[in-house]
Every structure is written in C-alpha cells, then in structure tokens.
Amino acid sequence: MGILYSDLLTVGDVARQFNCTEQCVRGWIDRGLLRAHKIGRDHVINARDAAVFELPRRGAPRKVKNDE
C-alpha cells in the first residue's frame, strides 16, 4: 500500500505541530532525525513519522534508518 497525499505533511505543518520554525524542522531532516521525502524542492513528512517523532535533546543526535 502506498502513501496517500492526505498522509503527507509539509515542513510548515510539522513546524506548527511542534511550535517551532520551519528552519528548525529542516535542520532535523538534514541531520537525519526526522525522515522526509523530497518532492521537487520541497520536503514532505509522513504523518506517522511526525506522530512518533520525539523532540531532540541536547547531546549526540540519534539518526533514523531510511527505508529508501
């Protein structure tokens, strides 16, 4: 079963969910803390990945495994 458009969130959606900036969310993606898929120039995040995401704590970041 594939991913539905209704299951995808934008960087802005995730930023509002975690009450932070879009730049912060892009940093999590760049550091491998939050799994995202790139469509054109934009990143989209699966709603399930955002739901289980835990805000990073100070210290060494833990990377997520990409299934791609």
PDB file of N, CA and C in Angstrom:
ATOM      1  N   MET A   1       0.845  -1.175   0.000  1.00  0.00           N
ATOM      2  CA  MET A   1       0.000   0.000   0.000  1.00  0.00           C
ATOM      3  C   MET A   1       0.885   1.232   0.000  1.00  0.00           C
ATOM      4  N   GLY A   2       0.590   2.190  -0.861  1.00  0.00           N
ATOM      5  CA  GLY A   2       1.404   3.389  -0.999  1.00  0.00           C
ATOM      6  C   GLY A   2       1.013   4.476  -0.017  1.00  0.00           C
ATOM      7  N   ILE A   3       1.726   5.559  -0.126  1.00  0.00           N
ATOM      8  CA  ILE A   3       1.458   6.715   0.720  1.00  0.00           C
ATOM      9  C   ILE A   3       0.406   7.581   0.033  1.00  0.00           C
ATOM     10  N   LEU A   4      -0.581   8.021   0.759  1.00  0.00           N
ATOM     11  CA  LEU A   4      -1.619   8.898   0.232  1.00  0.00           C
ATOM     12  C   LEU A   4      -1.237  10.349   0.491  1.00  0.00           C
ATOM     13  N   TYR A   5      -1.679  11.250  -0.369  1.00  0.00           N
ATOM     14  CA  TYR A   5      -1.392  12.662  -0.160  1.00  0.00           C
ATOM     15  C   TYR A   5      -1.917  13.149   1.180  1.00  0.00           C
ATOM     16  N   SER A   6      -3.016  12.589   1.636  1.00  0.00           N
ATOM     17  CA  SER A   6      -3.572  13.017   2.919  1.00  0.00           C
ATOM     18  C   SER A   6      -2.694  12.585   4.094  1.00  0.00           C
ATOM     19  N   ASP A   7      -1.765  11.660   3.850  1.00  0.00           N
ATOM     20  CA  ASP A   7      -0.851  11.201   4.893  1.00  0.00           C
ATOM     21  C   ASP A   7       0.427  12.033   4.956  1.00  0.00           C
ATOM     22  N   LEU A   8       0.557  13.036   4.079  1.00  0.00           N
ATOM     23  CA  LEU A   8       1.784  13.817   3.996  1.00  0.00           C
ATOM     24  C   LEU A   8       1.617  15.184   4.629  1.00  0.00           C
ATOM     25  N   LEU A   9       2.662  15.618   5.318  1.00  0.00           N
ATOM     26  CA  LEU A   9       2.683  16.933   5.945  1.00  0.00           C
ATOM     27  C   LEU A   9       3.810  17.750   5.328  1.00  0.00           C
ATOM     28  N   THR A  10       3.620  19.054   5.253  1.00  0.00           N
ATOM     29  CA  THR A  10       4.684  19.929   4.787  1.00  0.00           C
ATOM     30  C   THR A  10       5.590  20.274   5.971  1.00  0.00           C
ATOM     31  N   VAL A  11       6.719  20.886   5.663  1.00  0.00           N
ATOM     32  CA  VAL A  11       7.625  21.349   6.719  1.00  0.00           C
ATOM     33  C   VAL A  11       6.893  22.347   7.617  1.00  0.00           C
ATOM     34  N   GLY A  12       6.065  23.200   7.015  1.00  0.00           N
ATOM     35  CA  GLY A  12       5.286  24.166   7.792  1.00  0.00           C
ATOM     36  C   GLY A  12       4.289  23.505   8.725  1.00  0.00           C
ATOM     37  N   ASP A  13       3.649  22.429   8.252  1.00  0.00           N
ATOM     38  CA  ASP A  13       2.703  21.695   9.099  1.00  0.00           C
ATOM     39  C   ASP A  13       3.409  21.138  10.336  1.00  0.00           C
ATOM     40  N   VAL A  14       4.574  20.547  10.123  1.00  0.00           N
ATOM     41  CA  VAL A  14       5.321  19.958  11.237  1.00  0.00           C
ATOM     42  C   VAL A  14       5.817  21.052  12.177  1.00  0.00           C
ATOM     43  N   ALA A  15       6.237  22.180  11.633  1.00  0.00           N
ATOM     44  CA  ALA A  15       6.682  23.298  12.470  1.00  0.00           C
ATOM     45  C   ALA A  15       5.552  23.779  13.382  1.00  0.00           C
ATOM     46  N   ARG A  16       4.345  23.875  12.831  1.00  0.00           N
ATOM     47  CA  ARG A  16       3.203  24.283  13.667  1.00  0.00           C
ATOM     48  C   ARG A  16       2.882  23.218  14.718  1.00  0.00           C
ATOM     49  N   GLN A  17       3.021  21.948  14.334  1.00  0.00           N
ATOM     50  CA  GLN A  17       2.742  20.852  15.270  1.00  0.00           C
ATOM     51  C   GLN A  17       3.672  20.897  16.477  1.00  0.00           C
ATOM     52  N   PHE A  18       4.945  21.244  16.242  1.00  0.00           N
ATOM     53  CA  PHE A  18       5.931  21.257  17.320  1.00  0.00           C
ATOM     54  C   PHE A  18       6.229  22.663  17.828  1.00  0.00           C
ATOM     55  N   ASN A  19       5.466  23.651  17.339  1.00  0.00           N
ATOM     56  CA  ASN A  19       5.623  25.034  17.780  1.00  0.00           C
ATOM     57  C   ASN A  19       7.071  25.502  17.636  1.00  0.00           C
ATOM     58  N   CYS A  20       7.598  25.344  16.426  1.00  0.00           N
ATOM     59  CA  CYS A  20       8.962  25.764  16.138  1.00  0.00           C
ATOM     60  C   CYS A  20       8.996  26.357  14.734  1.00  0.00           C
ATOM     61  N   THR A  21      10.171  26.728  14.263  1.00  0.00           N
ATOM     62  CA  THR A  21      10.298  27.317  12.937  1.00  0.00           C
ATOM     63  C   THR A  21      10.484  26.237  11.873  1.00  0.00           C
ATOM     64  N   GLU A  22      10.211  26.618  10.622  1.00  0.00           N
ATOM     65  CA  GLU A  22      10.449  25.700   9.510  1.00  0.00           C
ATOM     66  C   GLU A  22      11.939  25.385   9.388  1.00  0.00           C
ATOM     67  N   GLN A  23      12.778  26.350   9.687  1.00  0.00           N
ATOM     68  CA  GLN A  23      14.226  26.146   9.642  1.00  0.00           C
ATOM     69  C   GLN A  23      14.643  25.064  10.642  1.00  0.00           C
ATOM     70  N   CYS A  24      14.030  25.036  11.783  1.00  0.00           N
ATOM     71  CA  CYS A  24      14.306  24.012  12.797  1.00  0.00           C
ATOM     72  C   CYS A  24      13.951  22.626  12.257  1.00  0.00           C
ATOM     73  N   VAL A  25      12.786  22.515  11.631  1.00  0.00           N
ATOM     74  CA  VAL A  25      12.346  21.226  11.072  1.00  0.00           C
ATOM     75  C   VAL A  25      13.300  20.784   9.968  1.00  0.00           C
ATOM     76  N   ARG A  26      13.710  21.714   9.106  1.00  0.00           N
ATOM     77  CA  ARG A  26      14.671  21.367   8.047  1.00  0.00           C
ATOM     78  C   ARG A  26      15.995  20.896   8.635  1.00  0.00           C
ATOM     79  N   GLY A  27      16.386  21.469   9.759  1.00  0.00           N
ATOM     80  CA  GLY A  27      17.601  21.023  10.439  1.00  0.00           C
ATOM     81  C   GLY A  27      17.470  19.583  10.924  1.00  0.00           C
ATOM     82  N   TRP A  28      16.309  19.226  11.468  1.00  0.00           N
ATOM     83  CA  TRP A  28      16.083  17.840  11.908  1.00  0.00           C
ATOM     84  C   TRP A  28      16.178  16.892  10.723  1.00  0.00           C
ATOM     85  N   ILE A  29      15.619  17.331   9.586  1.00  0.00           N
ATOM     86  CA  ILE A  29      15.671  16.500   8.383  1.00  0.00           C
ATOM     87  C   ILE A  29      17.110  16.362   7.906  1.00  0.00           C
ATOM     88  N   ASP A  30      17.827  17.468   7.833  1.00  0.00           N
ATOM     89  CA  ASP A  30      19.224  17.452   7.366  1.00  0.00           C
ATOM     90  C   ASP A  30      20.113  16.593   8.254  1.00  0.00           C
ATOM     91  N   ARG A  31      19.839  16.593   9.557  1.00  0.00           N
ATOM     92  CA  ARG A  31      20.654  15.803  10.497  1.00  0.00           C
ATOM     93  C   ARG A  31      20.205  14.348  10.575  1.00  0.00           C
ATOM     94  N   GLY A  32      19.134  14.005   9.866  1.00  0.00           N
ATOM     95  CA  GLY A  32      18.665  12.631   9.851  1.00  0.00           C
ATOM     96  C   GLY A  32      17.820  12.251  11.050  1.00  0.00           C
ATOM     97  N   LEU A  33      17.313  13.240  11.773  1.00  0.00           N
ATOM     98  CA  LEU A  33      16.493  12.956  12.947  1.00  0.00           C
ATOM     99  C   LEU A  33      15.026  12.731  12.583  1.00  0.00           C
ATOM    100  N   LEU A  34      14.592  13.341  11.492  1.00  0.00           N
ATOM    101  CA  LEU A  34      13.209  13.235  11.040  1.00  0.00           C
ATOM    102  C   LEU A  34      13.219  12.781   9.588  1.00  0.00           C
ATOM    103  N   ARG A  35      12.569  11.677   9.322  1.00  0.00           N
ATOM    104  CA  ARG A  35      12.521  11.120   7.969  1.00  0.00           C
ATOM    105  C   ARG A  35      11.602  11.970   7.099  1.00  0.00           C
ATOM    106  N   ALA A  36      12.070  12.296   5.899  1.00  0.00           N
ATOM    107  CA  ALA A  36      11.278  13.083   4.959  1.00  0.00           C
ATOM    108  C   ALA A  36      11.591  12.625   3.548  1.00  0.00           C
ATOM    109  N   HIS A  37      10.693  12.958   2.646  1.00  0.00           N
ATOM    110  CA  HIS A  37      10.868  12.643   1.233  1.00  0.00           C
ATOM    111  C   HIS A  37      10.902  13.952   0.472  1.00  0.00           C
ATOM    112  N   LYS A  38      11.771  14.032  -0.502  1.00  0.00           N
ATOM    113  CA  LYS A  38      11.892  15.259  -1.268  1.00  0.00           C
ATOM    114  C   LYS A  38      11.064  15.147  -2.546  1.00  0.00           C
ATOM    115  N   ILE A  39      10.209  16.123  -2.756  1.00  0.00           N
ATOM    116  CA  ILE A  39       9.413  16.210  -3.977  1.00  0.00           C
ATOM    117  C   ILE A  39       9.751  17.565  -4.594  1.00  0.00           C
ATOM    118  N   GLY A  40      10.501  17.535  -5.673  1.00  0.00           N
ATOM    119  CA  GLY A  40      10.969  18.789  -6.259  1.00  0.00           C
ATOM    120  C   GLY A  40      11.938  19.451  -5.302  1.00  0.00           C
ATOM    121  N   ARG A  41      11.638  20.686  -4.933  1.00  0.00           N
ATOM    122  CA  ARG A  41      12.486  21.411  -3.977  1.00  0.00           C
ATOM    123  C   ARG A  41      12.009  21.257  -2.542  1.00  0.00           C
ATOM    124  N   ASP A  42      10.831  20.702  -2.361  1.00  0.00           N
ATOM    125  CA  ASP A  42      10.205  20.661  -1.044  1.00  0.00           C
ATOM    126  C   ASP A  42      10.334  19.294  -0.383  1.00  0.00           C
ATOM    127  N   HIS A  43      10.316  19.299   0.928  1.00  0.00           N
ATOM    128  CA  HIS A  43      10.279  18.064   1.703  1.00  0.00           C
ATOM    129  C   HIS A  43       8.854  17.824   2.179  1.00  0.00           C
ATOM    130  N   VAL A  44       8.453  16.568   2.202  1.00  0.00           N
ATOM    131  CA  VAL A  44       7.182  16.183   2.813  1.00  0.00           C
ATOM    132  C   VAL A  44       7.473  15.097   3.839  1.00  0.00           C
ATOM    133  N   ILE A  45       6.692  15.092   4.890  1.00  0.00           N
ATOM    134  CA  ILE A  45       6.896  14.167   6.003  1.00  0.00           C
ATOM    135  C   ILE A  45       5.641  13.324   6.146  1.00  0.00           C
ATOM    136  N   ASN A  46       5.824  12.027   6.278  1.00  0.00           N
ATOM    137  CA  ASN A  46       4.697  11.130   6.510  1.00  0.00           C
ATOM    138  C   ASN A  46       4.112  11.474   7.883  1.00  0.00           C
ATOM    139  N   ALA A  47       2.797  11.554   7.967  1.00  0.00           N
ATOM    140  CA  ALA A  47       2.132  11.925   9.222  1.00  0.00           C
ATOM    141  C   ALA A  47       2.494  10.963  10.353  1.00  0.00           C
ATOM    142  N   ARG A  48       2.677   9.679  10.029  1.00  0.00           N
ATOM    143  CA  ARG A  48       3.053   8.707  11.064  1.00  0.00           C
ATOM    144  C   ARG A  48       4.450   8.990  11.612  1.00  0.00           C
ATOM    145  N   ASP A  49       5.376   9.372  10.727  1.00  0.00           N
ATOM    146  CA  ASP A  49       6.732   9.705  11.175  1.00  0.00           C
ATOM    147  C   ASP A  49       6.710  10.919  12.096  1.00  0.00           C
ATOM    148  N   ALA A  50       5.886  11.911  11.764  1.00  0.00           N
ATOM    149  CA  ALA A  50       5.782  13.103  12.610  1.00  0.00           C
ATOM    150  C   ALA A  50       5.137  12.764  13.948  1.00  0.00           C
ATOM    151  N   ALA A  51       4.189  11.827  13.948  1.00  0.00           N
ATOM    152  CA  ALA A  51       3.480  11.468  15.179  1.00  0.00           C
ATOM    153  C   ALA A  51       4.400  10.772  16.183  1.00  0.00           C
ATOM    154  N   VAL A  52       5.352   9.999  15.689  1.00  0.00           N
ATOM    155  CA  VAL A  52       6.235   9.265  16.605  1.00  0.00           C
ATOM    156  C   VAL A  52       7.545   9.995  16.850  1.00  0.00           C
ATOM    157  N   PHE A  53       7.748  11.142  16.191  1.00  0.00           N
ATOM    158  CA  PHE A  53       8.988  11.905  16.349  1.00  0.00           C
ATOM    159  C   PHE A  53       9.082  12.469  17.757  1.00  0.00           C
ATOM    160  N   GLU A  54      10.247  12.331  18.346  1.00  0.00           N
ATOM    161  CA  GLU A  54      10.497  12.909  19.660  1.00  0.00           C
ATOM    162  C   GLU A  54      11.448  14.081  19.486  1.00  0.00           C
ATOM    163  N   LEU A  55      11.135  15.175  20.136  1.00  0.00           N
ATOM    164  CA  LEU A  55      11.998  16.341  20.036  1.00  0.00           C
ATOM    165  C   LEU A  55      13.408  15.964  20.468  1.00  0.00           C
ATOM    166  N   PRO A  56      14.416  16.412  19.723  1.00  0.00           N
ATOM    167  CA  PRO A  56      15.794  16.068  20.090  1.00  0.00           C
ATOM    168  C   PRO A  56      16.191  16.717  21.408  1.00  0.00           C
ATOM    169  N   ARG A  57      16.961  15.989  22.150  1.00  0.00           N
ATOM    170  CA  ARG A  57      17.509  16.523  23.404  1.00  0.00           C
ATOM    171  C   ARG A  57      18.929  16.976  23.136  1.00  0.00           C
ATOM    172  N   ARG A  58      19.458  17.730  24.045  1.00  0.00           N
ATOM    173  CA  ARG A  58      20.851  18.139  23.881  1.00  0.00           C
ATOM    174  C   ARG A  58      21.744  16.918  23.984  1.00  0.00           C
ATOM    175  N   GLY A  59      22.828  16.949  23.255  1.00  0.00           N
ATOM    176  CA  GLY A  59      23.737  15.816  23.242  1.00  0.00           C
ATOM    177  C   GLY A  59      23.827  15.238  21.842  1.00  0.00           C
ATOM    178  N   ALA A  60      24.334  14.059  21.755  1.00  0.00           N
ATOM    179  CA  ALA A  60      24.536  13.425  20.452  1.00  0.00           C
ATOM    180  C   ALA A  60      23.194  13.047  19.816  1.00  0.00           C
ATOM    181  N   PRO A  61      22.972  13.458  18.566  1.00  0.00           N
ATOM    182  CA  PRO A  61      21.713  13.097  17.906  1.00  0.00           C
ATOM    183  C   PRO A  61      21.696  11.636  17.500  1.00  0.00           C
ATOM    184  N   ARG A  62      20.477  11.069  17.488  1.00  0.00           N
ATOM    185  CA  ARG A  62      20.301   9.683  17.025  1.00  0.00           C
ATOM    186  C   ARG A  62      19.678   9.753  15.644  1.00  0.00           C
ATOM    187  N   LYS A  63      20.252   9.066  14.696  1.00  0.00           N
ATOM    188  CA  LYS A  63      19.728   9.067  13.343  1.00  0.00           C
ATOM    189  C   LYS A  63      18.670   7.987  13.189  1.00  0.00           C
ATOM    190  N   VAL A  64      17.741   8.236  12.265  1.00  0.00           N
ATOM    191  CA  VAL A  64      16.739   7.239  11.927  1.00  0.00           C
ATOM    192  C   VAL A  64      17.209   6.498  10.686  1.00  0.00           C
ATOM    193  N   LYS A  65      16.756   5.259  10.542  1.00  0.00           N
ATOM    194  CA  LYS A  65      17.105   4.491   9.362  1.00  0.00           C
ATOM    195  C   LYS A  65      16.156   4.875   8.241  1.00  0.00           C
ATOM    196  N   ASN A  66      16.701   5.132   7.076  1.00  0.00           N
ATOM    197  CA  ASN A  66      15.881   5.431   5.897  1.00  0.00           C
ATOM    198  C   ASN A  66      15.617   4.141   5.155  1.00  0.00           C
ATOM    199  N   ASP A  67      14.372   3.930   4.788  1.00  0.00           N
ATOM    200  CA  ASP A  67      13.988   2.725   4.064  1.00  0.00           C
ATOM    201  C   ASP A  67      14.133   2.883   2.562  1.00  0.00           C
ATOM    202  N   GLU A  68      14.692   4.014   2.123  1.00  0.00           N
ATOM    203  CA  GLU A  68      14.773   4.302   0.688  1.00  0.00           C
ATOM    204  C   GLU A  68      15.874   3.506   0.048  1.00  0.00           C
TER     205      GLU A  68
END
